[in-house]
Amino acid sequence: MALMITAECINCDVCEPECPNDAIYMGVDIYEIDPRKCTECVGHFSEQQCQQVCPVECIPFNPAWRETAEELRAKYERLQLAESSSG
């Protein structure tokens, strides 16, 4: 499943640059995660980078976006293909 940022976010700016898929962006009030781009860092790292750097631990798994490891890997591959064809 994708990750999400909760209202506890303090807008410290440390998570956004850590996301290898550019899934984290500034929302209206706090940072948000685009679940269509979030692969939980599958294909890039063994652990979710945003969760590792978050000082207030406000980045849980998003229960609305349940995905298997295989689905996350397939999403990673689609994102990589799209990035390589646009660049």
PDB file of N, CA and C in Angstrom:
ATOM      1  N   MET A   1       0.829  -1.180   0.000  1.00  0.00           N
ATOM      2  CA  MET A   1       0.000   0.000   0.000  1.00  0.00           C
ATOM      3  C   MET A   1       0.871   1.240   0.000  1.00  0.00           C
ATOM      4  N   ALA A   2       0.346   2.298  -0.468  1.00  0.00           N
ATOM      5  CA  ALA A   2       1.070   3.567  -0.479  1.00  0.00           C
ATOM      6  C   ALA A   2       1.129   4.124   0.941  1.00  0.00           C
ATOM      7  N   LEU A   3       1.948   5.125   1.100  1.00  0.00           N
ATOM      8  CA  LEU A   3       2.052   5.806   2.381  1.00  0.00           C
ATOM      9  C   LEU A   3       1.208   7.076   2.338  1.00  0.00           C
ATOM     10  N   MET A   4       0.969   7.663   3.501  1.00  0.00           N
ATOM     11  CA  MET A   4       0.214   8.911   3.590  1.00  0.00           C
ATOM     12  C   MET A   4       0.825   9.767   4.686  1.00  0.00           C
ATOM     13  N   ILE A   5       0.593  11.045   4.627  1.00  0.00           N
ATOM     14  CA  ILE A   5       1.070  11.960   5.652  1.00  0.00           C
ATOM     15  C   ILE A   5      -0.137  12.464   6.420  1.00  0.00           C
ATOM     16  N   THR A   6      -0.060  12.356   7.747  1.00  0.00           N
ATOM     17  CA  THR A   6      -1.188  12.736   8.594  1.00  0.00           C
ATOM     18  C   THR A   6      -1.102  14.202   9.014  1.00  0.00           C
ATOM     19  N   ALA A   7      -2.147  14.664   9.675  1.00  0.00           N
ATOM     20  CA  ALA A   7      -2.241  16.055  10.120  1.00  0.00           C
ATOM     21  C   ALA A   7      -1.170  16.426  11.136  1.00  0.00           C
ATOM     22  N   GLU A   8      -0.475  15.466  11.690  1.00  0.00           N
ATOM     23  CA  GLU A   8       0.602  15.748  12.636  1.00  0.00           C
ATOM     24  C   GLU A   8       1.836  16.330  11.949  1.00  0.00           C
ATOM     25  N   CYS A   9       1.849  16.360  10.635  1.00  0.00           N
ATOM     26  CA  CYS A   9       2.978  16.886   9.861  1.00  0.00           C
ATOM     27  C   CYS A   9       3.311  18.307  10.316  1.00  0.00           C
ATOM     28  N   ILE A  10       4.602  18.569  10.516  1.00  0.00           N
ATOM     29  CA  ILE A  10       5.053  19.895  10.945  1.00  0.00           C
ATOM     30  C   ILE A  10       5.710  20.671   9.797  1.00  0.00           C
ATOM     31  N   ASN A  11       5.579  20.172   8.583  1.00  0.00           N
ATOM     32  CA  ASN A  11       6.143  20.838   7.395  1.00  0.00           C
ATOM     33  C   ASN A  11       7.636  21.124   7.548  1.00  0.00           C
ATOM     34  N   CYS A  12       8.353  20.139   8.014  1.00  0.00           N
ATOM     35  CA  CYS A  12       9.785  20.331   8.252  1.00  0.00           C
ATOM     36  C   CYS A  12      10.616  20.195   6.975  1.00  0.00           C
ATOM     37  N   ASP A  13      10.001  19.759   5.895  1.00  0.00           N
ATOM     38  CA  ASP A  13      10.644  19.683   4.580  1.00  0.00           C
ATOM     39  C   ASP A  13      11.674  18.563   4.412  1.00  0.00           C
ATOM     40  N   VAL A  14      11.762  17.614   5.335  1.00  0.00           N
ATOM     41  CA  VAL A  14      12.790  16.583   5.179  1.00  0.00           C
ATOM     42  C   VAL A  14      12.330  15.399   4.341  1.00  0.00           C
ATOM     43  N   CYS A  15      11.047  15.128   4.269  1.00  0.00           N
ATOM     44  CA  CYS A  15      10.576  13.951   3.537  1.00  0.00           C
ATOM     45  C   CYS A  15      10.580  14.145   2.022  1.00  0.00           C
ATOM     46  N   GLU A  16      10.172  15.310   1.572  1.00  0.00           N
ATOM     47  CA  GLU A  16       9.988  15.549   0.131  1.00  0.00           C
ATOM     48  C   GLU A  16      11.229  15.231  -0.700  1.00  0.00           C
ATOM     49  N   PRO A  17      12.413  15.707  -0.334  1.00  0.00           N
ATOM     50  CA  PRO A  17      13.582  15.391  -1.170  1.00  0.00           C
ATOM     51  C   PRO A  17      14.039  13.936  -1.075  1.00  0.00           C
ATOM     52  N   GLU A  18      13.559  13.193  -0.089  1.00  0.00           N
ATOM     53  CA  GLU A  18      13.964  11.799   0.072  1.00  0.00           C
ATOM     54  C   GLU A  18      13.198  10.842  -0.836  1.00  0.00           C
ATOM     55  N   CYS A  19      12.074  11.285  -1.383  1.00  0.00           N
ATOM     56  CA  CYS A  19      11.222  10.401  -2.180  1.00  0.00           C
ATOM     57  C   CYS A  19      11.808  10.184  -3.574  1.00  0.00           C
ATOM     58  N   PRO A  20      12.181   8.945  -3.903  1.00  0.00           N
ATOM     59  CA  PRO A  20      12.780   8.686  -5.211  1.00  0.00           C
ATOM     60  C   PRO A  20      11.787   8.764  -6.369  1.00  0.00           C
ATOM     61  N   ASN A  21      10.492   8.777  -6.063  1.00  0.00           N
ATOM     62  CA  ASN A  21       9.469   8.822  -7.110  1.00  0.00           C
ATOM     63  C   ASN A  21       8.799  10.186  -7.234  1.00  0.00           C
ATOM     64  N   ASP A  22       9.269  11.179  -6.492  1.00  0.00           N
ATOM     65  CA  ASP A  22       8.640  12.501  -6.488  1.00  0.00           C
ATOM     66  C   ASP A  22       7.153  12.421  -6.158  1.00  0.00           C
ATOM     67  N   ALA A  23       6.801  11.518  -5.239  1.00  0.00           N
ATOM     68  CA  ALA A  23       5.405  11.347  -4.851  1.00  0.00           C
ATOM     69  C   ALA A  23       4.980  12.313  -3.758  1.00  0.00           C
ATOM     70  N   ILE A  24       5.931  12.937  -3.079  1.00  0.00           N
ATOM     71  CA  ILE A  24       5.622  13.847  -1.978  1.00  0.00           C
ATOM     72  C   ILE A  24       5.635  15.282  -2.499  1.00  0.00           C
ATOM     73  N   TYR A  25       4.603  16.016  -2.153  1.00  0.00           N
ATOM     74  CA  TYR A  25       4.477  17.406  -2.589  1.00  0.00           C
ATOM     75  C   TYR A  25       3.784  18.216  -1.502  1.00  0.00           C
ATOM     76  N   MET A  26       3.946  19.518  -1.557  1.00  0.00           N
ATOM     77  CA  MET A  26       3.290  20.392  -0.584  1.00  0.00           C
ATOM     78  C   MET A  26       1.836  20.538  -0.956  1.00  0.00           C
ATOM     79  N   GLY A  27       0.955  20.183  -0.040  1.00  0.00           N
ATOM     80  CA  GLY A  27      -0.483  20.334  -0.236  1.00  0.00           C
ATOM     81  C   GLY A  27      -0.928  21.701   0.252  1.00  0.00           C
ATOM     82  N   VAL A  28      -2.195  21.837   0.521  1.00  0.00           N
ATOM     83  CA  VAL A  28      -2.744  23.108   0.976  1.00  0.00           C
ATOM     84  C   VAL A  28      -2.151  23.504   2.335  1.00  0.00           C
ATOM     85  N   ASP A  29      -2.131  22.555   3.280  1.00  0.00           N
ATOM     86  CA  ASP A  29      -1.641  22.855   4.627  1.00  0.00           C
ATOM     87  C   ASP A  29      -0.396  22.076   5.016  1.00  0.00           C
ATOM     88  N   ILE A  30      -0.297  20.850   4.541  1.00  0.00           N
ATOM     89  CA  ILE A  30       0.817  19.974   4.899  1.00  0.00           C
ATOM     90  C   ILE A  30       1.291  19.229   3.655  1.00  0.00           C
ATOM     91  N   TYR A  31       2.398  18.532   3.798  1.00  0.00           N
ATOM     92  CA  TYR A  31       2.869  17.700   2.696  1.00  0.00           C
ATOM     93  C   TYR A  31       1.890  16.564   2.468  1.00  0.00           C
ATOM     94  N   GLU A  32       1.809  16.110   1.234  1.00  0.00           N
ATOM     95  CA  GLU A  32       0.928  15.009   0.872  1.00  0.00           C
ATOM     96  C   GLU A  32       1.710  14.032   0.014  1.00  0.00           C
ATOM     97  N   ILE A  33       1.175  12.822  -0.117  1.00  0.00           N
ATOM     98  CA  ILE A  33       1.796  11.785  -0.939  1.00  0.00           C
ATOM     99  C   ILE A  33       0.812  11.354  -2.010  1.00  0.00           C
ATOM    100  N   ASP A  34       1.254  11.383  -3.254  1.00  0.00           N
ATOM    101  CA  ASP A  34       0.439  10.909  -4.369  1.00  0.00           C
ATOM    102  C   ASP A  34       0.525   9.381  -4.370  1.00  0.00           C
ATOM    103  N   PRO A  35      -0.554   8.691  -4.021  1.00  0.00           N
ATOM    104  CA  PRO A  35      -0.499   7.236  -3.936  1.00  0.00           C
ATOM    105  C   PRO A  35      -0.249   6.552  -5.282  1.00  0.00           C
ATOM    106  N   ARG A  36      -0.487   7.272  -6.373  1.00  0.00           N
ATOM    107  CA  ARG A  36      -0.222   6.698  -7.694  1.00  0.00           C
ATOM    108  C   ARG A  36       1.261   6.645  -7.998  1.00  0.00           C
ATOM    109  N   LYS A  37       2.059   7.436  -7.247  1.00  0.00           N
ATOM    110  CA  LYS A  37       3.507   7.445  -7.439  1.00  0.00           C
ATOM    111  C   LYS A  37       4.266   6.753  -6.313  1.00  0.00           C
ATOM    112  N   CYS A  38       3.623   6.550  -5.170  1.00  0.00           N
ATOM    113  CA  CYS A  38       4.310   5.969  -4.014  1.00  0.00           C
ATOM    114  C   CYS A  38       4.442   4.450  -4.181  1.00  0.00           C
ATOM    115  N   THR A  39       5.686   3.991  -4.152  1.00  0.00           N
ATOM    116  CA  THR A  39       5.956   2.548  -4.236  1.00  0.00           C
ATOM    117  C   THR A  39       6.525   2.022  -2.921  1.00  0.00           C
ATOM    118  N   GLU A  40       6.427   2.833  -1.852  1.00  0.00           N
ATOM    119  CA  GLU A  40       7.043   2.489  -0.567  1.00  0.00           C
ATOM    120  C   GLU A  40       8.543   2.278  -0.747  1.00  0.00           C
ATOM    121  N   CYS A  41       9.109   2.929  -1.721  1.00  0.00           N
ATOM    122  CA  CYS A  41      10.532   2.866  -2.079  1.00  0.00           C
ATOM    123  C   CYS A  41      10.949   1.525  -2.687  1.00  0.00           C
ATOM    124  N   VAL A  42       9.980   0.675  -3.022  1.00  0.00           N
ATOM    125  CA  VAL A  42      10.287  -0.583  -3.708  1.00  0.00           C
ATOM    126  C   VAL A  42      11.014  -0.244  -5.005  1.00  0.00           C
ATOM    127  N   GLY A  43      12.089  -0.951  -5.266  1.00  0.00           N
ATOM    128  CA  GLY A  43      12.888  -0.711  -6.454  1.00  0.00           C
ATOM    129  C   GLY A  43      14.028   0.264  -6.218  1.00  0.00           C
ATOM    130  N   HIS A  44      13.960   1.000  -5.134  1.00  0.00           N
ATOM    131  CA  HIS A  44      14.987   1.986  -4.822  1.00  0.00           C
ATOM    132  C   HIS A  44      15.729   1.646  -3.527  1.00  0.00           C
ATOM    133  N   PHE A  45      14.974   1.407  -2.460  1.00  0.00           N
ATOM    134  CA  PHE A  45      15.537   1.184  -1.136  1.00  0.00           C
ATOM    135  C   PHE A  45      14.811   0.035  -0.441  1.00  0.00           C
ATOM    136  N   SER A  46      15.415  -0.506   0.587  1.00  0.00           N
ATOM    137  CA  SER A  46      14.788  -1.591   1.336  1.00  0.00           C
ATOM    138  C   SER A  46      13.835  -1.075   2.413  1.00  0.00           C
ATOM    139  N   GLU A  47      13.920   0.216   2.733  1.00  0.00           N
ATOM    140  CA  GLU A  47      13.028   0.820   3.714  1.00  0.00           C
ATOM    141  C   GLU A  47      12.460   2.120   3.149  1.00  0.00           C
ATOM    142  N   GLN A  48      11.285   2.494   3.641  1.00  0.00           N
ATOM    143  CA  GLN A  48      10.637   3.717   3.198  1.00  0.00           C
ATOM    144  C   GLN A  48      11.445   4.905   3.710  1.00  0.00           C
ATOM    145  N   GLN A  49      12.003   5.664   2.798  1.00  0.00           N
ATOM    146  CA  GLN A  49      12.891   6.764   3.158  1.00  0.00           C
ATOM    147  C   GLN A  49      12.187   7.891   3.899  1.00  0.00           C
ATOM    148  N   CYS A  50      10.983   8.227   3.502  1.00  0.00           N
ATOM    149  CA  CYS A  50      10.275   9.318   4.177  1.00  0.00           C
ATOM    150  C   CYS A  50       9.987   8.969   5.630  1.00  0.00           C
ATOM    151  N   GLN A  51       9.617   7.724   5.882  1.00  0.00           N
ATOM    152  CA  GLN A  51       9.369   7.302   7.255  1.00  0.00           C
ATOM    153  C   GLN A  51      10.649   7.362   8.083  1.00  0.00           C
ATOM    154  N   GLN A  52      11.769   7.044   7.472  1.00  0.00           N
ATOM    155  CA  GLN A  52      13.035   7.041   8.193  1.00  0.00           C
ATOM    156  C   GLN A  52      13.456   8.429   8.657  1.00  0.00           C
ATOM    157  N   VAL A  53      13.161   9.452   7.867  1.00  0.00           N
ATOM    158  CA  VAL A  53      13.617  10.805   8.210  1.00  0.00           C
ATOM    159  C   VAL A  53      12.581  11.648   8.946  1.00  0.00           C
ATOM    160  N   CYS A  54      11.347  11.220   8.988  1.00  0.00           N
ATOM    161  CA  CYS A  54      10.280  12.009   9.606  1.00  0.00           C
ATOM    162  C   CYS A  54      10.491  12.124  11.120  1.00  0.00           C
ATOM    163  N   PRO A  55      10.650  13.343  11.633  1.00  0.00           N
ATOM    164  CA  PRO A  55      10.900  13.506  13.063  1.00  0.00           C
ATOM    165  C   PRO A  55       9.668  13.330  13.951  1.00  0.00           C
ATOM    166  N   VAL A  56       8.466  13.398  13.365  1.00  0.00           N
ATOM    167  CA  VAL A  56       7.248  13.256  14.174  1.00  0.00           C
ATOM    168  C   VAL A  56       6.486  11.972  13.868  1.00  0.00           C
ATOM    169  N   GLU A  57       7.045  11.130  13.028  1.00  0.00           N
ATOM    170  CA  GLU A  57       6.451   9.828  12.694  1.00  0.00           C
ATOM    171  C   GLU A  57       4.991   9.963  12.263  1.00  0.00           C
ATOM    172  N   CYS A  58       4.768  10.822  11.265  1.00  0.00           N
ATOM    173  CA  CYS A  58       3.406  11.063  10.784  1.00  0.00           C
ATOM    174  C   CYS A  58       3.163  10.478   9.394  1.00  0.00           C
ATOM    175  N   ILE A  59       3.936   9.431   9.029  1.00  0.00           N
ATOM    176  CA  ILE A  59       3.792   8.846   7.695  1.00  0.00           C
ATOM    177  C   ILE A  59       3.482   7.353   7.814  1.00  0.00           C
ATOM    178  N   PRO A  60       2.222   7.032   8.068  1.00  0.00           N
ATOM    179  CA  PRO A  60       1.824   5.624   8.146  1.00  0.00           C
ATOM    180  C   PRO A  60       1.450   5.076   6.764  1.00  0.00           C
ATOM    181  N   PHE A  61       1.133   3.799   6.721  1.00  0.00           N
ATOM    182  CA  PHE A  61       0.625   3.198   5.500  1.00  0.00           C
ATOM    183  C   PHE A  61      -0.805   3.680   5.278  1.00  0.00           C
ATOM    184  N   ASN A  62      -1.154   3.901   4.027  1.00  0.00           N
ATOM    185  CA  ASN A  62      -2.476   4.391   3.661  1.00  0.00           C
ATOM    186  C   ASN A  62      -3.410   3.195   3.461  1.00  0.00           C
ATOM    187  N   PRO A  63      -4.357   2.985   4.358  1.00  0.00           N
ATOM    188  CA  PRO A  63      -5.236   1.814   4.248  1.00  0.00           C
ATOM    189  C   PRO A  63      -6.144   1.843   3.013  1.00  0.00           C
ATOM    190  N   ALA A  64      -6.304   3.004   2.412  1.00  0.00           N
ATOM    191  CA  ALA A  64      -7.142   3.116   1.210  1.00  0.00           C
ATOM    192  C   ALA A  64      -6.419   2.633  -0.041  1.00  0.00           C
ATOM    193  N   TRP A  65      -5.099   2.434   0.037  1.00  0.00           N
ATOM    194  CA  TRP A  65      -4.310   2.019  -1.127  1.00  0.00           C
ATOM    195  C   TRP A  65      -3.559   0.740  -0.804  1.00  0.00           C
ATOM    196  N   ARG A  66      -4.244  -0.352  -0.693  1.00  0.00           N
ATOM    197  CA  ARG A  66      -3.616  -1.637  -0.402  1.00  0.00           C
ATOM    198  C   ARG A  66      -2.999  -2.206  -1.672  1.00  0.00           C
ATOM    199  N   GLU A  67      -1.711  -2.531  -1.602  1.00  0.00           N
ATOM    200  CA  GLU A  67      -1.008  -3.093  -2.756  1.00  0.00           C
ATOM    201  C   GLU A  67      -0.065  -4.185  -2.269  1.00  0.00           C
ATOM    202  N   THR A  68       0.048  -5.212  -3.066  1.00  0.00           N
ATOM    203  CA  THR A  68       0.984  -6.289  -2.747  1.00  0.00           C
ATOM    204  C   THR A  68       2.389  -5.876  -3.163  1.00  0.00           C
ATOM    205  N   ALA A  69       3.361  -6.648  -2.734  1.00  0.00           N
ATOM    206  CA  ALA A  69       4.744  -6.386  -3.136  1.00  0.00           C
ATOM    207  C   ALA A  69       4.878  -6.438  -4.653  1.00  0.00           C
ATOM    208  N   GLU A  70       4.157  -7.340  -5.279  1.00  0.00           N
ATOM    209  CA  GLU A  70       4.202  -7.464  -6.738  1.00  0.00           C
ATOM    210  C   GLU A  70       3.590  -6.241  -7.409  1.00  0.00           C
ATOM    211  N   GLU A  71       2.505  -5.730  -6.854  1.00  0.00           N
ATOM    212  CA  GLU A  71       1.876  -4.533  -7.413  1.00  0.00           C
ATOM    213  C   GLU A  71       2.782  -3.306  -7.242  1.00  0.00           C
ATOM    214  N   LEU A  72       3.449  -3.217  -6.096  1.00  0.00           N
ATOM    215  CA  LEU A  72       4.380  -2.109  -5.883  1.00  0.00           C
ATOM    216  C   LEU A  72       5.545  -2.184  -6.862  1.00  0.00           C
ATOM    217  N   ARG A  73       6.055  -3.386  -7.107  1.00  0.00           N
ATOM    218  CA  ARG A  73       7.159  -3.573  -8.059  1.00  0.00           C
ATOM    219  C   ARG A  73       6.697  -3.187  -9.470  1.00  0.00           C
ATOM    220  N   ALA A  74       5.489  -3.595  -9.846  1.00  0.00           N
ATOM    221  CA  ALA A  74       4.954  -3.256 -11.164  1.00  0.00           C
ATOM    222  C   ALA A  74       4.768  -1.743 -11.296  1.00  0.00           C
ATOM    223  N   LYS A  75       4.313  -1.077 -10.234  1.00  0.00           N
ATOM    224  CA  LYS A  75       4.158   0.377 -10.256  1.00  0.00           C
ATOM    225  C   LYS A  75       5.529   1.035 -10.428  1.00  0.00           C
ATOM    226  N   TYR A  76       6.522   0.549  -9.688  1.00  0.00           N
ATOM    227  CA  TYR A  76       7.889   1.064  -9.818  1.00  0.00           C
ATOM    228  C   TYR A  76       8.364   0.947 -11.271  1.00  0.00           C
ATOM    229  N   GLU A  77       8.155  -0.221 -11.884  1.00  0.00           N
ATOM    230  CA  GLU A  77       8.601  -0.433 -13.266  1.00  0.00           C
ATOM    231  C   GLU A  77       7.874   0.491 -14.234  1.00  0.00           C
ATOM    232  N   ARG A  78       6.567   0.708 -14.036  1.00  0.00           N
ATOM    233  CA  ARG A  78       5.807   1.633 -14.885  1.00  0.00           C
ATOM    234  C   ARG A  78       6.337   3.057 -14.743  1.00  0.00           C
ATOM    235  N   LEU A  79       6.598   3.473 -13.508  1.00  0.00           N
ATOM    236  CA  LEU A  79       7.121   4.819 -13.279  1.00  0.00           C
ATOM    237  C   LEU A  79       8.486   5.002 -13.916  1.00  0.00           C
ATOM    238  N   GLN A  80       9.341   3.979 -13.830  1.00  0.00           N
ATOM    239  CA  GLN A  80      10.674   4.063 -14.429  1.00  0.00           C
ATOM    240  C   GLN A  80      10.575   4.146 -15.949  1.00  0.00           C
ATOM    241  N   LEU A  81       9.680   3.377 -16.524  1.00  0.00           N
ATOM    242  CA  LEU A  81       9.484   3.386 -17.968  1.00  0.00           C
ATOM    243  C   LEU A  81       8.971   4.761 -18.423  1.00  0.00           C
ATOM    244  N   ALA A  82       8.027   5.312 -17.687  1.00  0.00           N
ATOM    245  CA  ALA A  82       7.480   6.622 -18.030  1.00  0.00           C
ATOM    246  C   ALA A  82       8.561   7.698 -17.915  1.00  0.00           C
ATOM    247  N   GLU A  83       9.388   7.595 -16.885  1.00  0.00           N
ATOM    248  CA  GLU A  83      10.449   8.582 -16.688  1.00  0.00           C
ATOM    249  C   GLU A  83      11.490   8.505 -17.793  1.00  0.00           C
ATOM    250  N   SER A  84      11.853   7.281 -18.192  1.00  0.00           N
ATOM    251  CA  SER A  84      12.871   7.135 -19.218  1.00  0.00           C
ATOM    252  C   SER A  84      12.351   7.555 -20.588  1.00  0.00           C
ATOM    253  N   SER A  85      11.076   7.397 -20.849  1.00  0.00           N
ATOM    254  CA  SER A  85      10.541   7.796 -22.148  1.00  0.00           C
ATOM    255  C   SER A  85      10.258   9.294 -22.228  1.00  0.00           C
ATOM    256  N   SER A  86      10.107   9.955 -21.062  1.00  0.00           N
ATOM    257  CA  SER A  86       9.871  11.396 -21.089  1.00  0.00           C
ATOM    258  C   SER A  86      11.156  12.199 -21.010  1.00  0.00           C
ATOM    259  N   GLY A  87      12.237  11.544 -20.644  1.00  0.00           N
ATOM    260  CA  GLY A  87      13.487  12.291 -20.470  1.00  0.00           C
ATOM    261  C   GLY A  87      14.382  12.129 -21.592  1.00  0.00           C
TER     262      GLY A  87
END
